[in-house]
N, C-alpha and C. Protein backbone atom coordinates (compact mmCIF):
# COMPACT_ATOMS: atom_id res chain seq x y z
N MET A 1 4.81 -20.92 20.84
CA MET A 1 5.24 -19.82 22.13
C MET A 1 4.89 -19.67 22.71
N ALA A 2 5.29 -19.02 24.18
CA ALA A 2 4.77 -18.90 25.46
C ALA A 2 3.64 -18.10 25.48
N LYS A 3 3.11 -17.86 26.49
CA LYS A 3 1.91 -17.33 26.39
C LYS A 3 2.72 -15.67 26.79
N GLY A 4 3.58 -15.48 27.56
CA GLY A 4 4.02 -13.88 27.42
C GLY A 4 4.31 -13.54 26.08
N GLY A 5 5.07 -14.55 25.03
CA GLY A 5 4.92 -13.76 23.91
C GLY A 5 3.90 -13.64 23.12
N GLU A 6 2.90 -14.56 23.22
CA GLU A 6 1.79 -14.48 22.35
C GLU A 6 1.55 -12.95 23.38
N LYS A 7 0.97 -12.77 24.21
CA LYS A 7 0.41 -11.57 24.96
C LYS A 7 1.38 -9.83 24.22
N GLU A 8 2.97 -9.90 24.20
CA GLU A 8 3.64 -8.89 23.74
C GLU A 8 3.09 -8.98 22.28
N LEU A 9 3.38 -9.88 21.44
CA LEU A 9 3.10 -10.10 20.09
C LEU A 9 1.66 -9.34 19.70
N GLU A 10 0.67 -9.29 20.57
CA GLU A 10 -0.81 -9.53 20.38
C GLU A 10 -0.76 -7.83 20.85
N GLU A 11 -0.19 -7.21 21.35
CA GLU A 11 -0.13 -5.91 21.95
C GLU A 11 0.88 -4.29 21.48
N ARG A 12 0.95 -5.52 19.74
CA ARG A 12 2.10 -4.38 19.23
C ARG A 12 1.25 -4.53 17.81
N CYS A 13 1.38 -3.21 17.29
CA CYS A 13 0.12 -2.88 16.49
C CYS A 13 0.96 -3.34 15.31
N GLU A 14 0.07 -3.11 14.40
CA GLU A 14 0.40 -3.66 13.11
C GLU A 14 1.97 -2.54 12.32
N ILE A 15 1.67 -1.44 12.63
CA ILE A 15 2.59 -0.55 11.91
C ILE A 15 3.80 -0.74 12.31
N ILE A 16 4.28 -1.06 13.70
CA ILE A 16 5.46 -1.56 14.22
C ILE A 16 6.20 -2.80 13.61
N LEU A 17 5.01 -3.92 13.59
CA LEU A 17 5.62 -5.22 13.11
C LEU A 17 5.60 -5.05 11.56
N ALA A 18 5.29 -3.75 10.94
CA ALA A 18 5.69 -3.56 9.48
C ALA A 18 7.21 -3.04 9.59
N ILE A 19 7.17 -2.00 10.28
CA ILE A 19 8.56 -1.50 10.18
C ILE A 19 9.61 -2.65 10.21
N GLU A 20 9.38 -3.47 11.56
CA GLU A 20 10.46 -4.54 11.39
C GLU A 20 10.23 -5.36 10.27
N GLU A 21 9.45 -6.30 9.92
CA GLU A 21 9.48 -6.71 8.45
C GLU A 21 9.88 -5.88 7.63
N LEU A 22 9.72 -4.77 6.96
CA LEU A 22 10.44 -4.22 6.24
C LEU A 22 12.36 -4.00 6.17
N SER A 23 12.29 -3.63 7.55
CA SER A 23 13.68 -3.43 7.92
C SER A 23 14.82 -4.56 7.51
N LEU A 24 13.67 -6.09 7.92
CA LEU A 24 14.56 -6.72 7.30
C LEU A 24 14.89 -7.22 5.90
N LEU A 25 13.85 -7.00 5.32
CA LEU A 25 13.66 -6.99 3.82
C LEU A 25 14.57 -5.98 3.20
N LYS A 26 14.54 -5.19 3.84
CA LYS A 26 15.84 -3.56 3.66
C LYS A 26 17.36 -4.27 3.48
N ASN A 27 17.37 -4.95 4.82
CA ASN A 27 18.61 -5.15 4.75
C ASN A 27 19.18 -6.74 3.98
N GLU A 28 18.01 -7.46 3.74
CA GLU A 28 18.27 -8.68 3.19
C GLU A 28 18.26 -8.71 1.87
N GLU A 29 17.91 -7.70 1.65
CA GLU A 29 17.88 -7.34 -0.42
C GLU A 29 18.00 -6.00 -0.79
N GLU A 30 19.15 -5.41 0.03
CA GLU A 30 19.34 -3.98 -0.05
C GLU A 30 20.26 -4.15 -1.37
N GLU A 31 20.94 -5.02 -2.12
CA GLU A 31 21.48 -4.80 -3.42
C GLU A 31 20.64 -5.15 -4.36
N LYS A 32 19.21 -5.59 -4.05
CA LYS A 32 17.94 -5.82 -5.53
C LYS A 32 17.10 -4.21 -5.27
N LYS A 33 17.60 -3.65 -6.43
CA LYS A 33 16.23 -2.99 -6.86
C LYS A 33 15.49 -3.26 -7.19
N LEU A 34 14.25 -2.92 -6.76
CA LEU A 34 12.83 -3.39 -7.27
C LEU A 34 12.33 -4.73 -6.76
N SER A 35 12.31 -4.77 -5.88
CA SER A 35 12.38 -6.33 -5.71
C SER A 35 10.78 -6.94 -5.42
N THR A 36 10.29 -7.71 -5.87
CA THR A 36 8.58 -8.10 -6.36
C THR A 36 8.55 -8.33 -5.06
N LEU A 37 9.60 -9.23 -3.94
CA LEU A 37 8.98 -9.86 -2.74
C LEU A 37 8.50 -8.34 -1.58
N ALA A 38 9.82 -7.47 -1.61
CA ALA A 38 9.31 -6.07 -1.30
C ALA A 38 8.26 -5.57 -1.02
N PHE A 39 7.78 -5.38 -2.81
CA PHE A 39 6.69 -4.71 -3.46
C PHE A 39 5.42 -5.63 -2.60
N LEU A 40 5.11 -6.69 -2.69
CA LEU A 40 4.62 -7.39 -2.09
C LEU A 40 4.32 -7.50 -0.68
N HIS A 41 5.16 -7.53 -0.39
CA HIS A 41 4.75 -6.90 1.68
C HIS A 41 4.50 -5.79 2.07
N LEU A 42 4.94 -4.37 1.07
CA LEU A 42 4.20 -3.15 1.13
C LEU A 42 2.74 -3.03 1.08
N SER A 43 2.19 -3.91 0.17
CA SER A 43 0.99 -4.00 -0.64
C SER A 43 0.19 -4.57 0.47
N ASN A 44 0.66 -5.68 1.02
CA ASN A 44 -0.05 -6.74 2.27
C ASN A 44 -0.21 -5.65 3.22
N LEU A 45 1.02 -4.80 3.65
CA LEU A 45 0.59 -3.81 4.71
C LEU A 45 -0.65 -3.09 4.41
N LEU A 46 -0.53 -2.36 3.77
CA LEU A 46 -1.56 -1.41 2.74
C LEU A 46 -3.11 -1.67 3.37
N LEU A 47 -3.31 -3.66 3.32
CA LEU A 47 -4.28 -4.04 3.30
C LEU A 47 -4.72 -4.23 4.75
N GLN A 48 -3.69 -4.18 5.50
CA GLN A 48 -3.90 -4.26 6.92
C GLN A 48 -4.20 -2.89 7.72
N VAL A 49 -4.02 -1.91 6.70
CA VAL A 49 -4.26 -0.31 7.51
C VAL A 49 -5.77 -0.17 6.94
N LEU A 50 -6.20 -0.56 6.02
CA LEU A 50 -7.75 -0.41 5.07
C LEU A 50 -8.65 -1.56 6.41
N ASP A 51 -7.96 -2.36 6.56
CA ASP A 51 -9.20 -3.08 7.32
C ASP A 51 -9.38 -2.47 8.85
N LYS A 52 -8.45 -1.64 9.24
CA LYS A 52 -8.31 -0.56 10.19
C LYS A 52 -9.74 -0.06 10.07
N ILE A 53 -9.36 0.56 8.99
CA ILE A 53 -11.09 1.96 8.54
C ILE A 53 -12.37 0.89 8.30
N GLY A 54 -12.43 0.08 8.21
CA GLY A 54 -13.45 -1.16 8.28
C GLY A 54 -14.08 -1.13 6.50
N PRO A 55 -15.23 -1.94 6.71
CA PRO A 55 -15.95 -2.26 5.58
C PRO A 55 -16.09 -0.76 4.23
N THR A 56 -16.53 0.26 5.10
CA THR A 56 -16.20 1.56 3.98
C THR A 56 -15.12 1.55 2.97
N MET A 57 -13.79 1.00 3.26
CA MET A 57 -12.72 0.72 2.51
C MET A 57 -12.98 -0.89 1.51
N ALA A 58 -14.02 -1.23 1.66
CA ALA A 58 -14.27 -2.57 0.54
C ALA A 58 -13.89 -2.38 -0.75
N VAL A 59 -14.18 -1.67 -1.42
CA VAL A 59 -13.80 -1.86 -3.02
C VAL A 59 -12.73 -1.38 -3.00
N LEU A 60 -12.04 -0.33 -2.88
CA LEU A 60 -10.42 -0.60 -2.61
C LEU A 60 -9.95 -1.69 -2.34
N SER A 61 -9.67 -2.18 -1.49
CA SER A 61 -9.25 -3.39 -0.89
C SER A 61 -9.30 -4.27 -2.06
N LEU A 62 -10.36 -4.37 -1.85
CA LEU A 62 -10.97 -6.10 -2.99
C LEU A 62 -10.16 -5.42 -4.71
N ASP A 63 -9.84 -4.15 -4.93
CA ASP A 63 -9.07 -4.09 -5.97
C ASP A 63 -8.34 -4.18 -5.89
N ILE A 64 -6.98 -3.55 -4.17
CA ILE A 64 -5.65 -4.23 -3.94
C ILE A 64 -5.74 -5.75 -4.05
N ARG A 65 -6.27 -6.45 -3.74
CA ARG A 65 -6.14 -7.83 -3.39
C ARG A 65 -5.93 -8.55 -4.73
N ARG A 66 -6.99 -7.87 -5.71
CA ARG A 66 -6.95 -8.59 -6.74
C ARG A 66 -5.54 -8.59 -7.44
N ASN A 67 -5.05 -7.04 -7.27
CA ASN A 67 -3.76 -6.30 -8.18
C ASN A 67 -2.71 -7.52 -7.34
N ILE A 68 -2.51 -7.68 -6.01
CA ILE A 68 -1.95 -8.20 -5.55
C ILE A 68 -1.59 -10.00 -5.71
N GLN A 69 -2.58 -10.68 -5.89
CA GLN A 69 -3.13 -12.11 -6.66
C GLN A 69 -2.37 -12.19 -7.67
N ARG A 70 -2.60 -10.54 -8.38
CA ARG A 70 -2.01 -11.41 -9.78
C ARG A 70 -0.41 -10.81 -10.09
N LEU A 71 -0.44 -10.37 -8.94
CA LEU A 71 1.53 -10.20 -8.70
C LEU A 71 2.04 -11.58 -8.30
N GLU A 72 1.57 -12.09 -7.43
CA GLU A 72 1.84 -13.05 -6.81
C GLU A 72 2.07 -13.94 -7.63
N GLU A 73 0.89 -14.33 -8.51
CA GLU A 73 0.97 -15.38 -9.24
C GLU A 73 2.13 -15.81 -9.83
N ILE A 74 2.40 -14.35 -10.63
CA ILE A 74 3.39 -14.25 -11.64
C ILE A 74 4.77 -14.56 -10.88
N TYR A 75 4.92 -14.08 -9.55
CA TYR A 75 5.87 -14.39 -8.66
C TYR A 75 6.08 -15.51 -8.41
N LEU A 76 5.42 -16.58 -8.11
CA LEU A 76 5.27 -17.58 -7.94
C LEU A 76 5.88 -18.59 -8.74
N LEU A 77 5.23 -18.45 -10.14
CA LEU A 77 5.35 -19.47 -11.05
C LEU A 77 6.74 -19.62 -11.40
N ASP A 78 7.72 -18.28 -11.17
CA ASP A 78 9.10 -18.56 -11.78
C ASP A 78 10.17 -17.39 -10.32
N PRO A 79 9.80 -17.79 -9.25
CA PRO A 79 10.39 -16.44 -8.13
C PRO A 79 11.84 -16.26 -8.74
N SER A 80 12.91 -17.23 -9.22
CA SER A 80 14.28 -15.96 -9.71
C SER A 80 13.63 -15.34 -10.45
N SER A 81 13.36 -15.49 -11.66
CA SER A 81 13.06 -14.88 -13.08
C SER A 81 12.16 -13.35 -12.63
N ASN A 82 11.65 -13.36 -11.78
CA ASN A 82 10.39 -12.92 -11.25
C ASN A 82 10.79 -11.88 -9.86
N SER A 83 11.77 -11.65 -9.64
CA SER A 83 12.40 -11.56 -8.19
C SER A 83 12.58 -9.84 -8.43
N ASN A 84 12.21 -9.64 -9.67
CA ASN A 84 12.42 -8.24 -9.63
C ASN A 84 11.51 -7.51 -10.84
N LEU A 85 10.52 -6.39 -10.36
CA LEU A 85 9.13 -5.60 -10.94
C LEU A 85 9.81 -5.57 -12.38
N MET A 86 11.25 -4.64 -12.42
CA MET A 86 11.83 -4.21 -14.03
C MET A 86 11.61 -5.42 -14.96
N GLU A 87 12.10 -6.57 -14.51
CA GLU A 87 12.31 -7.98 -15.13
C GLU A 87 10.63 -8.20 -15.51
N ILE A 88 9.54 -8.06 -14.39
CA ILE A 88 8.36 -8.62 -15.19
C ILE A 88 7.69 -7.18 -16.05
N VAL A 89 7.62 -5.95 -15.82
CA VAL A 89 7.37 -5.15 -16.71
C VAL A 89 8.05 -5.00 -18.09
N GLU A 90 9.05 -5.46 -18.32
CA GLU A 90 9.98 -5.55 -19.31
C GLU A 90 9.83 -6.95 -20.16
N LYS A 91 9.41 -7.75 -19.75
CA LYS A 91 8.87 -8.83 -20.44
C LYS A 91 7.16 -8.50 -20.63
N GLU A 92 6.49 -7.72 -20.15
CA GLU A 92 5.28 -7.58 -20.72
C GLU A 92 5.26 -6.53 -21.85
N VAL A 93 5.90 -6.01 -21.84
CA VAL A 93 6.78 -5.22 -22.92
C VAL A 93 6.99 -5.71 -24.25
N LYS A 94 7.93 -6.68 -24.00
CA LYS A 94 8.38 -7.19 -25.37
C LYS A 94 7.28 -8.49 -25.59
N GLU A 95 5.99 -8.73 -25.07
CA GLU A 95 5.34 -9.45 -25.13
C GLU A 95 4.01 -8.43 -25.81
N GLY A 96 4.02 -7.65 -25.82
CA GLY A 96 3.30 -6.62 -25.77
C GLY A 96 2.14 -6.59 -25.09
N THR A 97 2.09 -7.19 -24.03
CA THR A 97 0.95 -7.10 -23.19
C THR A 97 0.77 -6.11 -22.06
N VAL A 98 1.78 -5.08 -21.87
CA VAL A 98 1.87 -4.44 -20.84
C VAL A 98 0.73 -3.34 -20.45
N ARG A 99 -0.07 -2.94 -21.43
CA ARG A 99 -1.07 -2.19 -21.05
C ARG A 99 -2.45 -2.94 -21.26
N LYS A 100 -2.60 -4.03 -21.48
CA LYS A 100 -3.70 -4.95 -21.18
C LYS A 100 -4.25 -4.76 -19.67
N ASP A 101 -5.61 -4.72 -19.47
CA ASP A 101 -6.05 -4.71 -18.29
C ASP A 101 -5.76 -5.58 -17.16
N ASP A 102 -5.08 -6.89 -17.94
CA ASP A 102 -5.25 -7.90 -16.63
C ASP A 102 -3.72 -7.98 -16.71
N SER A 103 -3.12 -7.35 -17.33
CA SER A 103 -1.44 -7.33 -17.16
C SER A 103 -0.86 -7.07 -15.56
N CYS A 104 0.06 -7.59 -15.41
CA CYS A 104 1.18 -7.58 -14.38
C CYS A 104 1.45 -6.08 -14.14
N SER A 105 1.89 -5.53 -14.87
CA SER A 105 2.34 -4.38 -14.99
C SER A 105 1.52 -3.01 -14.90
N ARG A 106 0.22 -3.28 -14.99
CA ARG A 106 -1.05 -2.57 -14.36
C ARG A 106 -1.31 -2.84 -12.94
N ALA A 107 -1.05 -4.22 -12.70
CA ALA A 107 -0.94 -4.24 -11.20
C ALA A 107 -0.64 -3.70 -10.46
N ILE A 108 1.24 -3.65 -10.79
CA ILE A 108 1.95 -2.96 -10.22
C ILE A 108 1.88 -0.91 -10.28
N LEU A 109 1.03 -0.53 -11.36
CA LEU A 109 0.75 0.59 -11.07
C LEU A 109 -0.09 0.93 -10.28
N TRP A 110 -1.40 -0.16 -9.90
CA TRP A 110 -2.26 0.09 -9.34
C TRP A 110 -2.03 0.14 -7.78
N LEU A 111 -0.93 -0.63 -7.81
CA LEU A 111 -0.63 -0.78 -6.30
C LEU A 111 -0.04 -0.05 -5.58
N SER A 112 0.75 0.98 -6.49
CA SER A 112 1.68 2.20 -6.34
C SER A 112 0.96 3.21 -6.20
N ARG A 113 -0.31 3.06 -6.90
CA ARG A 113 -1.17 4.54 -6.72
C ARG A 113 -1.64 4.11 -5.16
N SER A 114 -2.22 3.02 -5.07
CA SER A 114 -3.38 2.76 -3.40
C SER A 114 -1.87 2.82 -2.37
N LEU A 115 -0.74 2.67 -2.89
CA LEU A 115 0.22 3.03 -1.41
C LEU A 115 0.44 4.49 -1.27
N ASP A 116 0.55 5.08 -2.92
CA ASP A 116 0.52 6.44 -2.37
C ASP A 116 -0.37 7.26 -1.88
N PHE A 117 -1.52 6.48 -1.82
CA PHE A 117 -2.82 6.79 -1.02
C PHE A 117 -2.61 6.90 0.28
N THR A 118 -2.22 5.48 1.00
CA THR A 118 -1.43 5.22 2.33
C THR A 118 -0.98 6.15 2.74
N VAL A 119 0.20 6.40 1.76
CA VAL A 119 1.99 6.84 2.36
C VAL A 119 0.29 8.78 2.88
N ALA A 120 0.02 8.99 2.01
CA ALA A 120 -0.13 10.18 2.24
C ALA A 120 -1.47 10.57 3.57
N MET A 121 -2.39 9.65 3.29
CA MET A 121 -3.31 9.85 4.60
C MET A 121 -2.51 9.18 6.00
N LEU A 122 -1.05 8.36 6.16
CA LEU A 122 -0.71 8.24 7.09
C LEU A 122 -0.27 9.50 8.00
N GLU A 123 0.82 9.97 6.67
CA GLU A 123 1.48 11.57 7.06
C GLU A 123 0.43 12.54 7.39
N ALA A 124 -0.67 12.78 6.66
CA ALA A 124 -1.73 13.59 7.10
C ALA A 124 -2.15 13.07 8.77
N LEU A 125 -2.69 12.05 8.92
CA LEU A 125 -2.64 11.60 10.63
C LEU A 125 -1.57 11.73 11.33
N GLU A 126 -0.37 12.36 10.79
CA GLU A 126 1.00 12.12 11.92
C GLU A 126 0.89 13.64 12.22
N LYS A 127 0.79 14.61 10.82
CA LYS A 127 1.18 15.92 11.19
C LYS A 127 -0.10 16.45 11.56
N GLU A 128 -1.36 16.15 11.12
CA GLU A 128 -2.49 17.45 11.20
C GLU A 128 -3.82 16.72 12.07
N GLU A 129 -4.52 17.62 12.31
CA GLU A 129 -5.72 17.53 13.09
C GLU A 129 -7.01 17.15 12.58
N GLN A 130 -6.81 17.00 11.35
CA GLN A 130 -8.36 16.85 10.35
C GLN A 130 -8.98 15.55 11.00
N SER A 131 -10.06 15.58 10.56
CA SER A 131 -10.81 14.52 10.46
C SER A 131 -10.75 13.58 9.45
N LEU A 132 -10.95 12.22 10.13
CA LEU A 132 -10.84 11.37 8.95
C LEU A 132 -11.11 11.24 7.92
N ASN A 133 -12.36 11.95 7.58
CA ASN A 133 -12.88 12.28 6.56
C ASN A 133 -12.47 13.21 5.51
N GLN A 134 -11.75 13.94 6.12
CA GLN A 134 -11.18 14.89 5.66
C GLN A 134 -9.68 14.52 5.21
N ILE A 135 -9.20 13.69 5.86
CA ILE A 135 -7.78 12.67 5.81
C ILE A 135 -7.99 12.00 4.37
N ILE A 136 -8.90 11.85 4.09
CA ILE A 136 -8.72 10.64 3.44
C ILE A 136 -9.55 11.17 1.96
N GLU A 137 -10.34 12.05 2.10
CA GLU A 137 -10.87 12.92 0.48
C GLU A 137 -9.14 13.46 0.28
N ALA A 138 -8.54 14.29 0.93
CA ALA A 138 -7.82 15.13 0.91
C ALA A 138 -6.44 14.27 0.04
N SER A 139 -6.05 12.66 0.38
CA SER A 139 -5.49 12.12 0.34
C SER A 139 -5.74 11.57 -1.11
N TYR A 140 -7.43 11.13 -1.54
CA TYR A 140 -7.54 10.58 -2.40
C TYR A 140 -7.64 11.50 -3.62
N LYS A 141 -7.76 12.68 -3.36
CA LYS A 141 -7.69 13.62 -4.57
C LYS A 141 -6.05 13.66 -5.07
N THR A 142 -5.67 13.59 -4.30
CA THR A 142 -4.07 13.73 -4.55
C THR A 142 -3.48 12.43 -5.04
N THR A 143 -3.92 11.18 -4.94
CA THR A 143 -3.19 10.08 -5.38
C THR A 143 -4.22 9.26 -6.81
N LEU A 144 -5.45 8.68 -5.81
CA LEU A 144 -6.38 7.77 -6.87
C LEU A 144 -7.27 8.68 -7.39
N GLY A 145 -7.58 9.79 -7.01
CA GLY A 145 -8.63 10.17 -7.56
C GLY A 145 -8.25 10.45 -9.15
N PRO A 146 -7.46 11.00 -9.59
CA PRO A 146 -7.29 11.54 -10.89
C PRO A 146 -7.01 10.62 -11.75
N TRP A 147 -6.75 9.53 -10.98
CA TRP A 147 -7.05 7.78 -12.11
C TRP A 147 -7.86 7.10 -12.17
N HIS A 148 -8.79 7.57 -11.46
CA HIS A 148 -10.27 6.65 -11.36
C HIS A 148 -11.38 6.85 -12.41
N GLY A 149 -12.14 6.08 -12.80
CA GLY A 149 -13.15 6.27 -13.76
C GLY A 149 -14.31 6.72 -12.74
N TRP A 150 -15.32 6.96 -13.26
CA TRP A 150 -16.50 7.59 -12.55
C TRP A 150 -17.07 6.44 -11.76
N ILE A 151 -16.85 5.20 -12.07
CA ILE A 151 -17.60 4.02 -11.14
C ILE A 151 -16.54 4.05 -9.91
N ALA A 152 -15.57 3.93 -9.79
CA ALA A 152 -14.63 4.45 -8.59
C ALA A 152 -15.10 5.18 -7.83
N SER A 153 -15.00 6.48 -8.43
CA SER A 153 -15.36 7.77 -8.18
C SER A 153 -15.92 7.28 -7.52
N ALA A 154 -17.41 7.34 -7.81
CA ALA A 154 -18.90 7.20 -7.07
C ALA A 154 -19.19 6.31 -5.86
N ALA A 155 -18.16 5.26 -5.95
CA ALA A 155 -18.07 4.40 -5.43
C ALA A 155 -17.23 5.01 -3.70
N TYR A 156 -15.96 5.61 -4.02
CA TYR A 156 -15.30 6.47 -3.19
C TYR A 156 -16.06 7.05 -2.46
N LYS A 157 -16.79 8.09 -3.28
CA LYS A 157 -17.77 9.10 -2.45
C LYS A 157 -18.43 8.42 -1.39
N ILE A 158 -19.32 7.25 -2.16
CA ILE A 158 -20.28 6.71 -0.67
C ILE A 158 -19.84 6.34 0.56
N ALA A 159 -18.24 5.98 0.38
CA ALA A 159 -16.99 5.37 1.05
C ALA A 159 -16.97 5.84 2.42
N LEU A 160 -16.98 7.96 1.64
CA LEU A 160 -16.73 8.71 2.16
C LEU A 160 -17.17 9.10 3.30
N GLN A 161 -18.54 9.03 2.85
CA GLN A 161 -19.57 8.89 4.59
C GLN A 161 -20.09 8.19 5.37
N LEU A 162 -19.29 6.98 5.29
CA LEU A 162 -19.41 5.95 5.84
C LEU A 162 -18.08 5.85 6.96
N LEU A 163 -17.13 6.27 6.95
CA LEU A 163 -15.84 6.65 7.87
C LEU A 163 -16.13 6.73 9.33
N PRO A 164 -15.31 6.03 10.11
CA PRO A 164 -15.15 6.03 11.54
C PRO A 164 -14.99 7.40 11.95
N GLU A 165 -14.42 7.48 13.33
CA GLU A 165 -14.21 8.71 13.51
C GLU A 165 -12.77 8.73 13.81
N ARG A 166 -11.89 9.50 13.64
CA ARG A 166 -10.69 9.49 13.69
C ARG A 166 -10.00 8.85 14.67
N GLU A 167 -10.48 9.40 16.18
CA GLU A 167 -9.99 8.65 17.36
C GLU A 167 -10.22 7.37 17.22
N PHE A 168 -11.26 6.81 16.82
CA PHE A 168 -11.31 5.63 16.97
C PHE A 168 -10.42 4.76 16.27
N PHE A 169 -10.37 5.61 14.16
CA PHE A 169 -9.39 4.78 13.86
C PHE A 169 -7.53 4.56 14.55
N VAL A 170 -7.54 5.95 15.04
CA VAL A 170 -6.15 5.85 15.60
C VAL A 170 -5.73 4.78 16.73
N GLY A 171 -7.01 4.55 17.68
CA GLY A 171 -7.06 4.03 18.20
C GLY A 171 -6.68 2.41 17.99
N LEU A 172 -7.74 1.63 16.81
CA LEU A 172 -7.20 0.86 16.68
C LEU A 172 -5.67 0.73 15.80
N LEU A 173 -5.26 1.84 15.20
CA LEU A 173 -3.59 1.29 15.09
C LEU A 173 -2.98 1.64 16.05
N MET A 174 -3.35 2.14 17.30
CA MET A 174 -2.28 2.03 18.37
C MET A 174 -1.90 0.68 18.81
N GLY A 175 -2.85 0.03 19.04
CA GLY A 175 -2.97 -1.22 19.65
C GLY A 175 -3.22 -1.13 21.41
N LYS A 176 -3.16 -2.29 22.05
CA LYS A 176 -3.48 -2.46 23.08
C LYS A 176 -2.52 -0.89 23.67
N ASN A 177 -1.20 -0.76 23.35
CA ASN A 177 -0.07 -0.27 24.16
C ASN A 177 -0.92 1.71 23.44
N LYS A 178 -1.80 2.10 24.28
CA LYS A 178 -2.53 3.36 23.83
C LYS A 178 -1.25 4.56 23.97
N ASP A 179 -0.17 5.22 23.00
CA ASP A 179 0.67 6.15 23.41
C ASP A 179 0.78 6.65 21.75
N TYR A 180 -0.15 7.44 21.68
CA TYR A 180 -0.03 8.47 20.65
C TYR A 180 0.99 8.84 19.91
N GLY A 181 1.86 9.62 20.98
CA GLY A 181 3.22 9.69 20.50
C GLY A 181 3.90 9.17 19.28
N LYS A 182 3.80 7.72 20.72
CA LYS A 182 4.62 6.87 20.12
C LYS A 182 4.43 6.31 18.26
N LEU A 183 2.75 6.32 18.48
CA LEU A 183 2.78 5.93 17.30
C LEU A 183 2.98 6.80 16.13
N LYS A 184 2.84 8.32 16.23
CA LYS A 184 3.27 9.32 15.35
C LYS A 184 4.70 8.93 14.87
N GLY A 185 5.16 8.38 15.97
CA GLY A 185 6.94 8.58 15.66
C GLY A 185 7.06 7.32 14.90
N GLU A 186 6.45 6.10 14.95
CA GLU A 186 6.53 4.98 14.08
C GLU A 186 6.16 4.76 12.50
N ILE A 187 4.47 5.83 12.64
CA ILE A 187 4.45 6.50 11.41
C ILE A 187 5.74 7.03 10.46
N CYS A 188 6.25 7.87 11.19
CA CYS A 188 7.33 8.61 10.36
C CYS A 188 8.57 7.77 9.71
N LYS A 189 8.79 6.58 10.92
CA LYS A 189 9.53 5.37 10.36
C LYS A 189 9.16 4.80 9.11
N LEU A 190 8.10 4.38 9.49
CA LEU A 190 6.92 3.32 8.39
C LEU A 190 7.38 4.00 7.15
N VAL A 191 6.56 5.58 6.98
CA VAL A 191 6.74 5.84 5.70
C VAL A 191 8.06 6.40 5.26
N ALA A 192 9.04 6.49 6.13
CA ALA A 192 10.65 6.43 5.72
C ALA A 192 10.82 5.67 4.66
N LEU A 193 10.30 4.38 5.17
CA LEU A 193 10.79 2.92 4.62
C LEU A 193 9.89 2.71 3.71
N ILE A 194 8.89 2.90 3.34
CA ILE A 194 8.35 3.11 1.98
C ILE A 194 8.67 3.87 0.50
N LYS A 195 8.62 5.32 1.16
CA LYS A 195 9.16 6.11 -0.22
C LYS A 195 10.23 5.81 -1.09
N PRO A 196 11.29 5.45 -0.92
CA PRO A 196 12.30 5.02 -1.66
C PRO A 196 11.75 3.73 -2.42
N LEU A 197 10.96 2.96 -2.18
CA LEU A 197 10.97 1.79 -2.87
C LEU A 197 9.56 2.36 -3.94
N LEU A 198 8.96 3.24 -3.61
CA LEU A 198 7.76 3.89 -4.10
C LEU A 198 8.37 4.67 -5.50
N HIS A 199 9.32 5.52 -4.83
CA HIS A 199 10.20 6.45 -6.14
C HIS A 199 10.64 5.44 -6.92
N GLU A 200 10.97 4.30 -6.81
CA GLU A 200 11.73 3.28 -7.96
C GLU A 200 10.10 2.89 -8.73
N VAL A 201 9.22 2.69 -7.92
CA VAL A 201 7.96 1.97 -8.84
C VAL A 201 8.04 3.18 -9.51
N HIS A 202 7.85 4.13 -9.61
CA HIS A 202 7.14 5.49 -10.21
C HIS A 202 8.09 5.80 -11.23
N GLU A 203 9.30 5.59 -11.37
CA GLU A 203 10.07 5.73 -12.04
C GLU A 203 10.56 5.13 -12.99
N LEU A 204 9.57 3.03 -12.77
CA LEU A 204 10.26 2.24 -13.78
C LEU A 204 8.85 2.59 -14.61
N MET A 205 7.26 3.06 -14.08
CA MET A 205 6.23 3.22 -14.54
C MET A 205 6.38 4.37 -15.51
N LYS A 206 7.24 5.23 -15.41
CA LYS A 206 7.88 6.36 -16.52
C LYS A 206 8.61 5.85 -17.69
N LYS A 207 9.39 5.22 -17.52
CA LYS A 207 10.50 4.67 -18.08
C LYS A 207 9.64 3.90 -19.18
N PHE A 208 8.41 3.15 -18.60
CA PHE A 208 7.45 2.86 -20.09
C PHE A 208 6.68 3.37 -20.47
N HIS A 209 6.49 4.55 -20.03
CA HIS A 209 5.16 5.71 -20.53
C HIS A 209 3.88 4.87 -19.43
N LEU A 210 3.88 4.10 -18.85
CA LEU A 210 2.58 3.91 -18.23
C LEU A 210 2.33 4.38 -17.20
N GLU A 211 2.43 5.82 -16.53
CA GLU A 211 1.85 6.63 -15.58
C GLU A 211 0.97 7.14 -15.35
N ARG A 212 1.05 7.66 -16.92
CA ARG A 212 -0.63 8.17 -17.04
C ARG A 212 -1.89 7.78 -17.21
N LEU A 213 -2.02 5.71 -17.26
CA LEU A 213 -2.79 5.15 -17.44
C LEU A 213 -3.62 5.28 -16.82
N LYS A 214 -5.56 5.31 -16.94
CA LYS A 214 -6.69 5.56 -16.00
C LYS A 214 -7.31 4.04 -15.92
N SER A 215 -8.42 3.95 -15.33
CA SER A 215 -9.04 2.97 -14.92
C SER A 215 -9.87 3.00 -16.08
N THR A 216 -10.33 1.78 -16.42
CA THR A 216 -11.22 1.97 -17.91
C THR A 216 -12.70 2.04 -17.50
């Protein structure tokens, strides 16, 4: 790649790149519902956003990475048979492993909840002028909080005390093109791309009565 192209790529924030990737996936797989590949792309995007917050989100990031790895391993074993989340969950239901701690179905459930958290955080960041601490706390309480056990909740409370300032986080999301208005518009586009797939995943969890599973 030419130096000019490399510089242009570096100056584009992760959110813009994610929109382009997800738009391509949507066009390529619009006939496929609950695409495993699209869901993995979304989950990896989530990690990129959390990495911007910094090491304070390390516990959540580690959990997400483990769930991504579990789903990726199953997908790569047989991409054609595991191209759809529905097929993966149905197989585990038949095998009687769907509720086990190391099941892919649990990985999908927790990844969807983590994505709910990210969407709530980004929406609040785009619409409100609260501190990052307030945004993270409110987003956590309505998405991950109700399903976490006391260990995860305690780790979150510690992380909440170590969050960076909102301005610092927003600056990292904007990248080198410091245009806050443009960032807000891109957040709206990204959320609009994420929500339909998330809705499908939530409906899948409800179909097999998995939506209320809590961490141990």
